[in-house]
Structure formats: C-alpha cells, structure tokens
Amino acid sequence: MAFAVQSSLLALQGVQVAFLLLHDWVPLGRLSNLAAVRASDATGKLLVVTLLSALPSALLFGVCCWFGPGTRWPGWVQSWLW
C-alpha cells in the first residue's frame, strides 16, 4: 500500500477508536444520548461495555501502528482490515 493510503487508514482508524471510546461518555450532539445511556446502565457496567466494544478496533489500530505506514503490512493484517 502507498504511504498516503496507509497514513489515511491509520488516521481513520484512530477516529473510529476514539469515537468508540467516547460516544457513551462525552456529549457528541446527535451522535450520543448520554441520558439514555446513564438510565440504562450503571457506571461500572458502562465502563466494561465500552472497553469490550472498543477492544477489537483498538487492537487492530495498535497492530497497524506497530507496523507503521510505509511498510508492507502482513496478509493477516490486510485481511483483518477488509
């Protein structure tokens, strides 16, 4: 993959991971409904659910950052991205 494509992909993955970690905790306009989240789940449960839902994306983001842009990512990383 070209350096620009990999860099763009890493940036988009970072945005996705940030959104997954923050959307139940920070008011994001129409993208989040904090009152409904707080009414349905206790803080401890919400923390666990947030971390578990963000874990796969965060792991993939970490692996992609480990290999970095400009290097050829292994086939299993590319398959995981698709």
Protein backbone atom coordinates (compact mmCIF):
# COMPACT_ATOMS: atom_id res chain seq x y z
CA MET A 1 0.00 0.00 0.00
CA ALA A 2 1.15 3.51 -0.65
CA PHE A 3 2.32 5.64 2.27
CA ALA A 4 -0.53 8.15 1.86
CA VAL A 5 -3.18 5.42 1.83
CA GLN A 6 -1.75 3.76 4.94
CA SER A 7 -1.47 7.10 6.73
CA SER A 8 -5.08 7.92 5.88
CA LEU A 9 -6.21 4.50 7.03
CA LEU A 10 -4.39 4.93 10.34
CA ALA A 11 -6.00 8.34 10.85
CA LEU A 12 -9.46 6.93 10.15
CA GLN A 13 -8.86 4.02 12.50
CA GLY A 14 -7.79 6.46 15.20
CA VAL A 15 -11.03 8.41 14.74
CA GLN A 16 -13.05 5.19 14.94
CA VAL A 17 -11.34 4.05 18.14
CA ALA A 18 -11.77 7.49 19.70
CA PHE A 19 -15.47 7.50 18.80
CA LEU A 20 -16.00 4.03 20.26
CA LEU A 21 -14.30 5.05 23.50
CA LEU A 22 -16.03 8.40 23.87
CA HIS A 23 -19.56 8.18 22.47
CA ASP A 24 -21.12 6.92 25.73
CA TRP A 25 -19.15 9.31 27.94
CA VAL A 26 -18.89 12.67 26.14
CA PRO A 27 -21.79 14.62 24.63
CA LEU A 28 -21.42 14.39 20.85
CA GLY A 29 -24.60 16.12 19.78
CA ARG A 30 -26.96 13.82 17.92
CA LEU A 31 -24.34 11.06 17.85
CA SER A 32 -24.83 10.23 21.52
CA ASN A 33 -27.65 10.18 24.05
CA LEU A 34 -25.99 10.30 27.44
CA ALA A 35 -29.23 10.50 29.41
CA ALA A 36 -30.49 7.23 27.93
CA VAL A 37 -27.13 5.52 28.46
CA ARG A 38 -26.95 6.61 32.09
CA ALA A 39 -30.55 5.50 32.69
CA SER A 40 -29.99 2.01 31.31
CA ASP A 41 -26.52 1.09 32.65
CA ALA A 42 -24.54 1.64 35.83
CA THR A 43 -21.14 3.30 35.51
CA GLY A 44 -19.19 0.08 36.11
CA LYS A 45 -21.15 -1.85 33.51
CA LEU A 46 -20.84 1.02 31.06
CA LEU A 47 -17.07 1.06 31.50
CA VAL A 48 -16.80 -2.67 30.81
CA VAL A 49 -19.10 -2.48 27.78
CA THR A 50 -17.17 0.49 26.37
CA LEU A 51 -13.81 -1.24 26.74
CA LEU A 52 -15.06 -4.54 25.30
CA SER A 53 -16.68 -2.89 22.30
CA ALA A 54 -13.58 -0.83 21.52
CA LEU A 55 -11.10 -3.67 22.08
CA PRO A 56 -11.09 -5.23 18.56
CA SER A 57 -10.72 -1.86 16.82
CA ALA A 58 -8.09 -0.71 19.31
CA LEU A 59 -6.08 -3.91 18.83
CA LEU A 60 -6.19 -3.54 15.06
CA PHE A 61 -5.20 0.11 15.34
CA GLY A 62 -2.29 -0.83 17.60
CA VAL A 63 -1.08 -3.54 15.22
CA CYS A 64 -1.27 -1.18 12.26
CA CYS A 65 0.63 1.48 14.20
CA TRP A 66 3.23 -1.13 15.17
CA PHE A 67 3.96 -1.90 11.52
CA GLY A 68 3.52 1.76 10.64
CA PRO A 69 2.84 3.44 7.32
CA GLY A 70 5.37 2.89 4.59
CA THR A 71 5.94 -0.80 5.33
CA ARG A 72 4.11 -3.72 3.78
CA TRP A 73 1.56 -4.99 6.25
CA PRO A 74 1.32 -8.77 6.60
CA GLY A 75 -1.52 -10.54 4.84
CA TRP A 76 -3.38 -11.30 8.06
CA VAL A 77 -3.46 -7.58 8.94
CA GLN A 78 -4.80 -6.69 5.49
CA SER A 79 -7.44 -9.43 5.76
CA TRP A 80 -8.46 -8.19 9.19
CA LEU A 81 -8.82 -4.67 7.78
CA TRP A 82 -11.09 -5.89 4.99
